[in-house]
């Protein structure tokens, strides 16, 4: 199964911007119930697209600078990166169909 990698601000450049694969970054917090509801869906997508997409999580409470850099005002917020650039984002609880739409566009 594809690993969901916990990252910190200092890892962001290497793990997301310089990644060889497209990256889904889940901006979340432990106290956020909607975030916790999205976790199984994100893991499922990681499993389905293993080897074609990288999945990362960034805790906004522990990494407020990076969350501020990307204008995170509500969580969960999921960013999609391709070649180091933001290629899309979704905010709040969304269904698998919505996430898949972004992932398929991301991986081409």
PDB file of N, CA and C in Angstrom:
ATOM      1  N   UNK A   1       0.838  -1.196   0.000  1.00  0.00           N
ATOM      2  CA  UNK A   1       0.000   0.000   0.000  1.00  0.00           C
ATOM      3  C   UNK A   1       0.871   1.244   0.000  1.00  0.00           C
ATOM      4  N   UNK A   2       0.424   2.265  -0.683  1.00  0.00           N
ATOM      5  CA  UNK A   2       1.169   3.527  -0.755  1.00  0.00           C
ATOM      6  C   UNK A   2       1.218   4.181   0.622  1.00  0.00           C
ATOM      7  N   UNK A   3       2.379   4.698   0.924  1.00  0.00           N
ATOM      8  CA  UNK A   3       2.595   5.369   2.194  1.00  0.00           C
ATOM      9  C   UNK A   3       2.039   6.792   2.135  1.00  0.00           C
ATOM     10  N   UNK A   4       1.398   7.204   3.225  1.00  0.00           N
ATOM     11  CA  UNK A   4       1.017   8.604   3.374  1.00  0.00           C
ATOM     12  C   UNK A   4       2.108   9.199   4.249  1.00  0.00           C
ATOM     13  N   UNK A   5       2.912  10.067   3.678  1.00  0.00           N
ATOM     14  CA  UNK A   5       4.096  10.590   4.352  1.00  0.00           C
ATOM     15  C   UNK A   5       3.765  11.856   5.139  1.00  0.00           C
ATOM     16  N   UNK A   6       4.075  11.815   6.434  1.00  0.00           N
ATOM     17  CA  UNK A   6       3.932  13.000   7.273  1.00  0.00           C
ATOM     18  C   UNK A   6       5.111  13.912   6.984  1.00  0.00           C
ATOM     19  N   UNK A   7       4.852  15.153   6.606  1.00  0.00           N
ATOM     20  CA  UNK A   7       5.955  16.077   6.326  1.00  0.00           C
ATOM     21  C   UNK A   7       5.853  17.313   7.209  1.00  0.00           C
ATOM     22  N   UNK A   8       6.976  18.013   7.308  1.00  0.00           N
ATOM     23  CA  UNK A   8       7.053  19.264   8.054  1.00  0.00           C
ATOM     24  C   UNK A   8       7.496  20.356   7.093  1.00  0.00           C
ATOM     25  N   UNK A   9       7.425  21.590   7.561  1.00  0.00           N
ATOM     26  CA  UNK A   9       7.801  22.724   6.714  1.00  0.00           C
ATOM     27  C   UNK A   9       9.182  22.540   6.099  1.00  0.00           C
ATOM     28  N   UNK A  10      10.131  22.059   6.907  1.00  0.00           N
ATOM     29  CA  UNK A  10      11.499  21.927   6.408  1.00  0.00           C
ATOM     30  C   UNK A  10      11.650  20.819   5.355  1.00  0.00           C
ATOM     31  N   UNK A  11      10.668  19.905   5.288  1.00  0.00           N
ATOM     32  CA  UNK A  11      10.686  18.817   4.298  1.00  0.00           C
ATOM     33  C   UNK A  11       9.975  19.196   3.000  1.00  0.00           C
ATOM     34  N   UNK A  12       9.207  20.253   3.028  1.00  0.00           N
ATOM     35  CA  UNK A  12       8.289  20.567   1.945  1.00  0.00           C
ATOM     36  C   UNK A  12       8.985  20.699   0.592  1.00  0.00           C
ATOM     37  N   UNK A  13      10.073  21.414   0.552  1.00  0.00           N
ATOM     38  CA  UNK A  13      10.796  21.624  -0.702  1.00  0.00           C
ATOM     39  C   UNK A  13      11.195  20.288  -1.329  1.00  0.00           C
ATOM     40  N   UNK A  14      11.826  19.442  -0.523  1.00  0.00           N
ATOM     41  CA  UNK A  14      12.313  18.152  -1.024  1.00  0.00           C
ATOM     42  C   UNK A  14      11.171  17.201  -1.368  1.00  0.00           C
ATOM     43  N   UNK A  15      10.207  17.089  -0.465  1.00  0.00           N
ATOM     44  CA  UNK A  15       9.149  16.081  -0.596  1.00  0.00           C
ATOM     45  C   UNK A  15       8.055  16.461  -1.590  1.00  0.00           C
ATOM     46  N   UNK A  16       7.813  17.756  -1.780  1.00  0.00           N
ATOM     47  CA  UNK A  16       6.711  18.200  -2.636  1.00  0.00           C
ATOM     48  C   UNK A  16       7.226  18.911  -3.890  1.00  0.00           C
ATOM     49  N   UNK A  17       7.944  19.989  -3.694  1.00  0.00           N
ATOM     50  CA  UNK A  17       8.375  20.817  -4.822  1.00  0.00           C
ATOM     51  C   UNK A  17       9.344  20.066  -5.740  1.00  0.00           C
ATOM     52  N   UNK A  18      10.265  19.297  -5.160  1.00  0.00           N
ATOM     53  CA  UNK A  18      11.268  18.574  -5.945  1.00  0.00           C
ATOM     54  C   UNK A  18      10.891  17.121  -6.219  1.00  0.00           C
ATOM     55  N   UNK A  19       9.670  16.723  -5.916  1.00  0.00           N
ATOM     56  CA  UNK A  19       9.240  15.331  -6.083  1.00  0.00           C
ATOM     57  C   UNK A  19       9.239  14.918  -7.554  1.00  0.00           C
ATOM     58  N   UNK A  20       9.575  13.658  -7.784  1.00  0.00           N
ATOM     59  CA  UNK A  20       9.564  13.100  -9.140  1.00  0.00           C
ATOM     60  C   UNK A  20       8.146  12.814  -9.630  1.00  0.00           C
ATOM     61  N   UNK A  21       7.246  12.581  -8.692  1.00  0.00           N
ATOM     62  CA  UNK A  21       5.854  12.256  -9.015  1.00  0.00           C
ATOM     63  C   UNK A  21       4.954  13.445  -8.703  1.00  0.00           C
ATOM     64  N   UNK A  22       3.756  13.484  -9.277  1.00  0.00           N
ATOM     65  CA  UNK A  22       2.754  14.456  -8.807  1.00  0.00           C
ATOM     66  C   UNK A  22       2.472  14.184  -7.318  1.00  0.00           C
ATOM     67  N   UNK A  23       2.123  15.226  -6.589  1.00  0.00           N
ATOM     68  CA  UNK A  23       1.947  15.109  -5.141  1.00  0.00           C
ATOM     69  C   UNK A  23       0.591  15.650  -4.712  1.00  0.00           C
ATOM     70  N   UNK A  24      -0.088  14.880  -3.862  1.00  0.00           N
ATOM     71  CA  UNK A  24      -1.305  15.327  -3.179  1.00  0.00           C
ATOM     72  C   UNK A  24      -0.857  15.684  -1.769  1.00  0.00           C
ATOM     73  N   UNK A  25      -1.099  16.910  -1.333  1.00  0.00           N
ATOM     74  CA  UNK A  25      -0.755  17.335   0.027  1.00  0.00           C
ATOM     75  C   UNK A  25      -2.038  17.653   0.780  1.00  0.00           C
ATOM     76  N   UNK A  26      -2.229  16.927   1.862  1.00  0.00           N
ATOM     77  CA  UNK A  26      -3.388  17.104   2.736  1.00  0.00           C
ATOM     78  C   UNK A  26      -2.982  18.013   3.884  1.00  0.00           C
ATOM     79  N   UNK A  27      -3.496  19.246   3.912  1.00  0.00           N
ATOM     80  CA  UNK A  27      -3.285  20.168   5.025  1.00  0.00           C
ATOM     81  C   UNK A  27      -4.386  19.876   6.039  1.00  0.00           C
ATOM     82  N   UNK A  28      -4.012  19.469   7.244  1.00  0.00           N
ATOM     83  CA  UNK A  28      -4.983  18.970   8.220  1.00  0.00           C
ATOM     84  C   UNK A  28      -4.548  19.317   9.643  1.00  0.00           C
ATOM     85  N   UNK A  29      -5.386  18.945  10.630  1.00  0.00           N
ATOM     86  CA  UNK A  29      -5.052  19.059  12.049  1.00  0.00           C
ATOM     87  C   UNK A  29      -5.734  17.900  12.794  1.00  0.00           C
ATOM     88  N   UNK A  30      -5.140  17.502  13.897  1.00  0.00           N
ATOM     89  CA  UNK A  30      -5.652  16.364  14.673  1.00  0.00           C
ATOM     90  C   UNK A  30      -7.056  16.593  15.223  1.00  0.00           C
ATOM     91  N   UNK A  31      -7.393  17.826  15.553  1.00  0.00           N
ATOM     92  CA  UNK A  31      -8.687  18.146  16.157  1.00  0.00           C
ATOM     93  C   UNK A  31      -9.813  18.298  15.125  1.00  0.00           C
ATOM     94  N   UNK A  32      -9.455  18.256  13.852  1.00  0.00           N
ATOM     95  CA  UNK A  32     -10.401  18.535  12.765  1.00  0.00           C
ATOM     96  C   UNK A  32     -11.145  17.260  12.340  1.00  0.00           C
ATOM     97  N   UNK A  33     -12.396  17.148  12.737  1.00  0.00           N
ATOM     98  CA  UNK A  33     -13.183  15.953  12.385  1.00  0.00           C
ATOM     99  C   UNK A  33     -13.340  15.767  10.868  1.00  0.00           C
ATOM    100  N   UNK A  34     -13.617  16.813  10.094  1.00  0.00           N
ATOM    101  CA  UNK A  34     -13.678  16.620   8.645  1.00  0.00           C
ATOM    102  C   UNK A  34     -12.356  16.093   8.076  1.00  0.00           C
ATOM    103  N   UNK A  35     -11.233  16.550   8.652  1.00  0.00           N
ATOM    104  CA  UNK A  35      -9.925  16.055   8.204  1.00  0.00           C
ATOM    105  C   UNK A  35      -9.816  14.550   8.446  1.00  0.00           C
ATOM    106  N   UNK A  36     -10.243  14.129   9.629  1.00  0.00           N
ATOM    107  CA  UNK A  36     -10.166  12.710   9.979  1.00  0.00           C
ATOM    108  C   UNK A  36     -11.076  11.868   9.090  1.00  0.00           C
ATOM    109  N   UNK A  37     -12.195  12.440   8.671  1.00  0.00           N
ATOM    110  CA  UNK A  37     -13.100  11.725   7.772  1.00  0.00           C
ATOM    111  C   UNK A  37     -12.501  11.564   6.379  1.00  0.00           C
ATOM    112  N   UNK A  38     -11.636  12.481   5.968  1.00  0.00           N
ATOM    113  CA  UNK A  38     -11.019  12.409   4.638  1.00  0.00           C
ATOM    114  C   UNK A  38      -9.849  11.431   4.578  1.00  0.00           C
ATOM    115  N   UNK A  39      -9.237  11.140   5.722  1.00  0.00           N
ATOM    116  CA  UNK A  39      -8.042  10.291   5.752  1.00  0.00           C
ATOM    117  C   UNK A  39      -8.212   8.944   5.048  1.00  0.00           C
ATOM    118  N   UNK A  40      -9.277   8.176   5.336  1.00  0.00           N
ATOM    119  CA  UNK A  40      -9.414   6.880   4.665  1.00  0.00           C
ATOM    120  C   UNK A  40      -9.533   7.013   3.143  1.00  0.00           C
ATOM    121  N   UNK A  41     -10.200   8.035   2.682  1.00  0.00           N
ATOM    122  CA  UNK A  41     -10.366   8.265   1.249  1.00  0.00           C
ATOM    123  C   UNK A  41      -9.024   8.608   0.595  1.00  0.00           C
ATOM    124  N   UNK A  42      -8.243   9.419   1.268  1.00  0.00           N
ATOM    125  CA  UNK A  42      -6.923   9.791   0.754  1.00  0.00           C
ATOM    126  C   UNK A  42      -6.020   8.561   0.697  1.00  0.00           C
ATOM    127  N   UNK A  43      -6.072   7.734   1.724  1.00  0.00           N
ATOM    128  CA  UNK A  43      -5.269   6.502   1.726  1.00  0.00           C
ATOM    129  C   UNK A  43      -5.707   5.573   0.600  1.00  0.00           C
ATOM    130  N   UNK A  44      -7.003   5.487   0.383  1.00  0.00           N
ATOM    131  CA  UNK A  44      -7.546   4.644  -0.688  1.00  0.00           C
ATOM    132  C   UNK A  44      -7.043   5.113  -2.062  1.00  0.00           C
ATOM    133  N   UNK A  45      -7.041   6.397  -2.269  1.00  0.00           N
ATOM    134  CA  UNK A  45      -6.552   6.941  -3.537  1.00  0.00           C
ATOM    135  C   UNK A  45      -5.054   6.681  -3.676  1.00  0.00           C
ATOM    136  N   UNK A  46      -4.333   6.806  -2.584  1.00  0.00           N
ATOM    137  CA  UNK A  46      -2.908   6.500  -2.604  1.00  0.00           C
ATOM    138  C   UNK A  46      -2.649   5.061  -3.003  1.00  0.00           C
ATOM    139  N   UNK A  47      -3.478   4.175  -2.509  1.00  0.00           N
ATOM    140  CA  UNK A  47      -3.340   2.751  -2.839  1.00  0.00           C
ATOM    141  C   UNK A  47      -3.654   2.506  -4.322  1.00  0.00           C
ATOM    142  N   UNK A  48      -4.727   3.111  -4.806  1.00  0.00           N
ATOM    143  CA  UNK A  48      -5.148   2.920  -6.195  1.00  0.00           C
ATOM    144  C   UNK A  48      -4.141   3.480  -7.198  1.00  0.00           C
ATOM    145  N   UNK A  49      -3.456   4.550  -6.811  1.00  0.00           N
ATOM    146  CA  UNK A  49      -2.533   5.213  -7.734  1.00  0.00           C
ATOM    147  C   UNK A  49      -1.077   5.075  -7.292  1.00  0.00           C
ATOM    148  N   UNK A  50      -0.798   4.028  -6.539  1.00  0.00           N
ATOM    149  CA  UNK A  50       0.562   3.780  -6.049  1.00  0.00           C
ATOM    150  C   UNK A  50       1.551   3.766  -7.214  1.00  0.00           C
ATOM    151  N   UNK A  51       2.660   4.467  -7.014  1.00  0.00           N
ATOM    152  CA  UNK A  51       3.676   4.541  -8.059  1.00  0.00           C
ATOM    153  C   UNK A  51       3.441   5.651  -9.070  1.00  0.00           C
ATOM    154  N   UNK A  52       2.236   6.258  -9.022  1.00  0.00           N
ATOM    155  CA  UNK A  52       1.909   7.330  -9.970  1.00  0.00           C
ATOM    156  C   UNK A  52       1.662   8.663  -9.291  1.00  0.00           C
ATOM    157  N   UNK A  53       1.486   8.628  -7.957  1.00  0.00           N
ATOM    158  CA  UNK A  53       1.256   9.848  -7.189  1.00  0.00           C
ATOM    159  C   UNK A  53       1.852   9.656  -5.804  1.00  0.00           C
ATOM    160  N   UNK A  54       2.303  10.748  -5.220  1.00  0.00           N
ATOM    161  CA  UNK A  54       2.842  10.746  -3.868  1.00  0.00           C
ATOM    162  C   UNK A  54       1.818  11.438  -2.974  1.00  0.00           C
ATOM    163  N   UNK A  55       1.597  10.871  -1.792  1.00  0.00           N
ATOM    164  CA  UNK A  55       0.625  11.433  -0.852  1.00  0.00           C
ATOM    165  C   UNK A  55       1.375  11.932   0.381  1.00  0.00           C
ATOM    166  N   UNK A  56       1.161  13.200   0.746  1.00  0.00           N
ATOM    167  CA  UNK A  56       1.785  13.789   1.929  1.00  0.00           C
ATOM    168  C   UNK A  56       0.725  14.457   2.795  1.00  0.00           C
ATOM    169  N   UNK A  57       0.997  14.491   4.084  1.00  0.00           N
ATOM    170  CA  UNK A  57       0.146  15.205   5.037  1.00  0.00           C
ATOM    171  C   UNK A  57       0.993  16.241   5.754  1.00  0.00           C
ATOM    172  N   UNK A  58       0.414  17.430   5.934  1.00  0.00           N
ATOM    173  CA  UNK A  58       1.099  18.480   6.666  1.00  0.00           C
ATOM    174  C   UNK A  58       0.148  19.013   7.734  1.00  0.00           C
ATOM    175  N   UNK A  59       0.526  18.844   8.999  1.00  0.00           N
ATOM    176  CA  UNK A  59      -0.291  19.304  10.116  1.00  0.00           C
ATOM    177  C   UNK A  59      -0.152  20.816  10.228  1.00  0.00           C
ATOM    178  N   UNK A  60      -1.258  21.542  10.056  1.00  0.00           N
ATOM    179  CA  UNK A  60      -1.210  23.010  10.037  1.00  0.00           C
ATOM    180  C   UNK A  60      -0.903  23.605  11.403  1.00  0.00           C
ATOM    181  N   UNK A  61      -1.231  22.892  12.482  1.00  0.00           N
ATOM    182  CA  UNK A  61      -0.916  23.401  13.819  1.00  0.00           C
ATOM    183  C   UNK A  61       0.589  23.344  14.079  1.00  0.00           C
ATOM    184  N   UNK A  62       1.233  22.314  13.578  1.00  0.00           N
ATOM    185  CA  UNK A  62       2.672  22.139  13.788  1.00  0.00           C
ATOM    186  C   UNK A  62       3.502  22.867  12.726  1.00  0.00           C
ATOM    187  N   UNK A  63       2.873  23.266  11.644  1.00  0.00           N
ATOM    188  CA  UNK A  63       3.570  23.904  10.524  1.00  0.00           C
ATOM    189  C   UNK A  63       2.807  25.125  10.023  1.00  0.00           C
ATOM    190  N   UNK A  64       2.580  26.112  10.888  1.00  0.00           N
ATOM    191  CA  UNK A  64       1.738  27.244  10.506  1.00  0.00           C
ATOM    192  C   UNK A  64       2.319  28.106   9.382  1.00  0.00           C
ATOM    193  N   UNK A  65       3.633  28.157   9.268  1.00  0.00           N
ATOM    194  CA  UNK A  65       4.244  28.984   8.230  1.00  0.00           C
ATOM    195  C   UNK A  65       3.891  28.502   6.835  1.00  0.00           C
ATOM    196  N   UNK A  66       3.987  27.205   6.608  1.00  0.00           N
ATOM    197  CA  UNK A  66       3.695  26.651   5.276  1.00  0.00           C
ATOM    198  C   UNK A  66       2.205  26.785   4.975  1.00  0.00           C
ATOM    199  N   UNK A  67       1.368  26.576   5.978  1.00  0.00           N
ATOM    200  CA  UNK A  67      -0.073  26.751   5.779  1.00  0.00           C
ATOM    201  C   UNK A  67      -0.372  28.205   5.394  1.00  0.00           C
ATOM    202  N   UNK A  68       0.300  29.144   6.041  1.00  0.00           N
ATOM    203  CA  UNK A  68       0.103  30.558   5.720  1.00  0.00           C
ATOM    204  C   UNK A  68       0.614  30.869   4.309  1.00  0.00           C
ATOM    205  N   UNK A  69       1.742  30.273   3.934  1.00  0.00           N
ATOM    206  CA  UNK A  69       2.302  30.500   2.590  1.00  0.00           C
ATOM    207  C   UNK A  69       1.307  30.138   1.492  1.00  0.00           C
ATOM    208  N   UNK A  70       0.520  29.089   1.743  1.00  0.00           N
ATOM    209  CA  UNK A  70      -0.438  28.624   0.738  1.00  0.00           C
ATOM    210  C   UNK A  70      -1.858  29.125   0.994  1.00  0.00           C
ATOM    211  N   UNK A  71      -2.012  30.059   1.937  1.00  0.00           N
ATOM    212  CA  UNK A  71      -3.308  30.687   2.171  1.00  0.00           C
ATOM    213  C   UNK A  71      -4.361  29.745   2.725  1.00  0.00           C
ATOM    214  N   UNK A  72      -3.945  28.785   3.532  1.00  0.00           N
ATOM    215  CA  UNK A  72      -4.897  27.828   4.113  1.00  0.00           C
ATOM    216  C   UNK A  72      -5.713  28.555   5.177  1.00  0.00           C
ATOM    217  N   UNK A  73      -7.009  28.676   4.942  1.00  0.00           N
ATOM    218  CA  UNK A  73      -7.904  29.343   5.880  1.00  0.00           C
ATOM    219  C   UNK A  73      -8.920  28.370   6.470  1.00  0.00           C
ATOM    220  N   UNK A  74      -9.087  27.237   5.813  1.00  0.00           N
ATOM    221  CA  UNK A  74     -10.044  26.224   6.244  1.00  0.00           C
ATOM    222  C   UNK A  74      -9.423  24.852   5.981  1.00  0.00           C
ATOM    223  N   UNK A  75      -9.681  23.922   6.880  1.00  0.00           N
ATOM    224  CA  UNK A  75      -9.179  22.562   6.679  1.00  0.00           C
ATOM    225  C   UNK A  75     -10.333  21.586   6.786  1.00  0.00           C
ATOM    226  N   UNK A  76     -10.227  20.458   6.110  1.00  0.00           N
ATOM    227  CA  UNK A  76      -9.101  20.033   5.292  1.00  0.00           C
ATOM    228  C   UNK A  76      -9.027  20.815   3.976  1.00  0.00           C
ATOM    229  N   UNK A  77      -7.791  21.070   3.568  1.00  0.00           N
ATOM    230  CA  UNK A  77      -7.518  21.611   2.240  1.00  0.00           C
ATOM    231  C   UNK A  77      -6.504  20.681   1.598  1.00  0.00           C
ATOM    232  N   UNK A  78      -6.786  20.267   0.392  1.00  0.00           N
ATOM    233  CA  UNK A  78      -5.896  19.366  -0.332  1.00  0.00           C
ATOM    234  C   UNK A  78      -5.367  20.097  -1.552  1.00  0.00           C
ATOM    235  N   UNK A  79      -4.042  20.153  -1.642  1.00  0.00           N
ATOM    236  CA  UNK A  79      -3.377  20.749  -2.797  1.00  0.00           C
ATOM    237  C   UNK A  79      -2.814  19.638  -3.667  1.00  0.00           C
ATOM    238  N   UNK A  80      -2.817  19.876  -4.957  1.00  0.00           N
ATOM    239  CA  UNK A  80      -2.238  18.960  -5.923  1.00  0.00           C
ATOM    240  C   UNK A  80      -1.074  19.689  -6.592  1.00  0.00           C
ATOM    241  N   UNK A  81       0.103  19.076  -6.563  1.00  0.00           N
ATOM    242  CA  UNK A  81       1.305  19.666  -7.146  1.00  0.00           C
ATOM    243  C   UNK A  81       1.806  18.799  -8.289  1.00  0.00           C
ATOM    244  N   UNK A  82       2.250  19.466  -9.347  1.00  0.00           N
ATOM    245  CA  UNK A  82       2.876  18.767 -10.468  1.00  0.00           C
ATOM    246  C   UNK A  82       4.069  19.599 -10.906  1.00  0.00           C
ATOM    247  N   UNK A  83       5.227  18.948 -10.992  1.00  0.00           N
ATOM    248  CA  UNK A  83       6.472  19.640 -11.353  1.00  0.00           C
ATOM    249  C   UNK A  83       6.730  20.850 -10.461  1.00  0.00           C
ATOM    250  N   UNK A  84       6.422  20.705  -9.175  1.00  0.00           N
ATOM    251  CA  UNK A  84       6.682  21.760  -8.207  1.00  0.00           C
ATOM    252  C   UNK A  84       5.695  22.901  -8.187  1.00  0.00           C
ATOM    253  N   UNK A  85       4.682  22.838  -9.038  1.00  0.00           N
ATOM    254  CA  UNK A  85       3.688  23.910  -9.130  1.00  0.00           C
ATOM    255  C   UNK A  85       2.322  23.431  -8.642  1.00  0.00           C
ATOM    256  N   UNK A  86       1.552  24.352  -8.069  1.00  0.00           N
ATOM    257  CA  UNK A  86       0.187  24.021  -7.663  1.00  0.00           C
ATOM    258  C   UNK A  86      -0.639  23.769  -8.915  1.00  0.00           C
ATOM    259  N   UNK A  87      -1.262  22.595  -8.969  1.00  0.00           N
ATOM    260  CA  UNK A  87      -2.063  22.216 -10.139  1.00  0.00           C
ATOM    261  C   UNK A  87      -3.546  22.134  -9.807  1.00  0.00           C
ATOM    262  N   UNK A  88      -3.899  22.350  -8.554  1.00  0.00           N
ATOM    263  CA  UNK A  88      -5.297  22.310  -8.156  1.00  0.00           C
ATOM    264  C   UNK A  88      -5.422  22.243  -6.647  1.00  0.00           C
ATOM    265  N   UNK A  89      -6.656  22.421  -6.182  1.00  0.00           N
ATOM    266  CA  UNK A  89      -6.914  22.308  -4.749  1.00  0.00           C
ATOM    267  C   UNK A  89      -8.388  22.073  -4.498  1.00  0.00           C
ATOM    268  N   UNK A  90      -8.669  21.422  -3.390  1.00  0.00           N
ATOM    269  CA  UNK A  90     -10.045  21.267  -2.924  1.00  0.00           C
ATOM    270  C   UNK A  90     -10.072  21.624  -1.442  1.00  0.00           C
ATOM    271  N   UNK A  91     -11.185  22.194  -1.013  1.00  0.00           N
ATOM    272  CA  UNK A  91     -11.338  22.610   0.374  1.00  0.00           C
ATOM    273  C   UNK A  91     -12.563  21.929   0.953  1.00  0.00           C
ATOM    274  N   UNK A  92     -12.413  21.393   2.160  1.00  0.00           N
ATOM    275  CA  UNK A  92     -13.527  20.762   2.856  1.00  0.00           C
ATOM    276  C   UNK A  92     -13.665  19.297   2.493  1.00  0.00           C
ATOM    277  N   UNK A  93     -14.745  18.712   2.973  1.00  0.00           N
ATOM    278  CA  UNK A  93     -15.010  17.303   2.701  1.00  0.00           C
ATOM    279  C   UNK A  93     -15.537  17.181   1.278  1.00  0.00           C
ATOM    280  N   UNK A  94     -14.877  16.337   0.505  1.00  0.00           N
ATOM    281  CA  UNK A  94     -15.331  16.057  -0.849  1.00  0.00           C
ATOM    282  C   UNK A  94     -15.383  14.546  -1.022  1.00  0.00           C
ATOM    283  N   UNK A  95     -16.113  14.118  -2.011  1.00  0.00           N
ATOM    284  CA  UNK A  95     -16.245  12.696  -2.276  1.00  0.00           C
ATOM    285  C   UNK A  95     -15.098  12.167  -3.116  1.00  0.00           C
ATOM    286  N   UNK A  96     -15.081  10.867  -3.249  1.00  0.00           N
ATOM    287  CA  UNK A  96     -14.028  10.211  -4.020  1.00  0.00           C
ATOM    288  C   UNK A  96     -14.043  10.688  -5.475  1.00  0.00           C
ATOM    289  N   UNK A  97     -15.216  10.859  -6.039  1.00  0.00           N
ATOM    290  CA  UNK A  97     -15.336  11.277  -7.441  1.00  0.00           C
ATOM    291  C   UNK A  97     -14.625  12.616  -7.665  1.00  0.00           C
ATOM    292  N   UNK A  98     -14.807  13.551  -6.750  1.00  0.00           N
ATOM    293  CA  UNK A  98     -14.164  14.865  -6.862  1.00  0.00           C
ATOM    294  C   UNK A  98     -12.645  14.743  -6.746  1.00  0.00           C
ATOM    295  N   UNK A  99     -12.171  13.959  -5.787  1.00  0.00           N
ATOM    296  CA  UNK A  99     -10.728  13.765  -5.645  1.00  0.00           C
ATOM    297  C   UNK A  99     -10.144  13.073  -6.866  1.00  0.00           C
ATOM    298  N   UNK A 100     -10.837  12.062  -7.355  1.00  0.00           N
ATOM    299  CA  UNK A 100     -10.355  11.334  -8.525  1.00  0.00           C
ATOM    300  C   UNK A 100     -10.238  12.240  -9.746  1.00  0.00           C
ATOM    301  N   UNK A 101     -11.171  13.157  -9.891  1.00  0.00           N
ATOM    302  CA  UNK A 101     -11.136  14.097 -11.009  1.00  0.00           C
ATOM    303  C   UNK A 101      -9.809  14.859 -11.007  1.00  0.00           C
ATOM    304  N   UNK A 102      -9.394  15.308  -9.843  1.00  0.00           N
ATOM    305  CA  UNK A 102      -8.144  16.052  -9.717  1.00  0.00           C
ATOM    306  C   UNK A 102      -6.923  15.150  -9.910  1.00  0.00           C
ATOM    307  N   UNK A 103      -6.981  13.947  -9.354  1.00  0.00           N
ATOM    308  CA  UNK A 103      -5.852  13.028  -9.457  1.00  0.00           C
ATOM    309  C   UNK A 103      -5.631  12.603 -10.900  1.00  0.00           C
ATOM    310  N   UNK A 104      -6.704  12.260 -11.596  1.00  0.00           N
ATOM    311  CA  UNK A 104      -6.585  11.831 -12.996  1.00  0.00           C
ATOM    312  C   UNK A 104      -6.038  12.965 -13.854  1.00  0.00           C
ATOM    313  N   UNK A 105      -6.500  14.189 -13.609  1.00  0.00           N
ATOM    314  CA  UNK A 105      -5.980  15.346 -14.334  1.00  0.00           C
ATOM    315  C   UNK A 105      -4.496  15.543 -14.024  1.00  0.00           C
ATOM    316  N   UNK A 106      -4.130  15.323 -12.771  1.00  0.00           N
ATOM    317  CA  UNK A 106      -2.762  15.516 -12.312  1.00  0.00           C
ATOM    318  C   UNK A 106      -1.790  14.531 -12.959  1.00  0.00           C
ATOM    319  N   UNK A 107      -2.186  13.281 -13.025  1.00  0.00           N
ATOM    320  CA  UNK A 107      -1.257  12.263 -13.549  1.00  0.00           C
ATOM    321  C   UNK A 107      -1.348  12.133 -15.058  1.00  0.00           C
ATOM    322  N   UNK A 108      -2.377  12.753 -15.640  1.00  0.00           N
ATOM    323  CA  UNK A 108      -2.529  12.746 -17.092  1.00  0.00           C
ATOM    324  C   UNK A 108      -2.977  11.414 -17.551  1.00  0.00           C
TER     325      UNK A 108
END
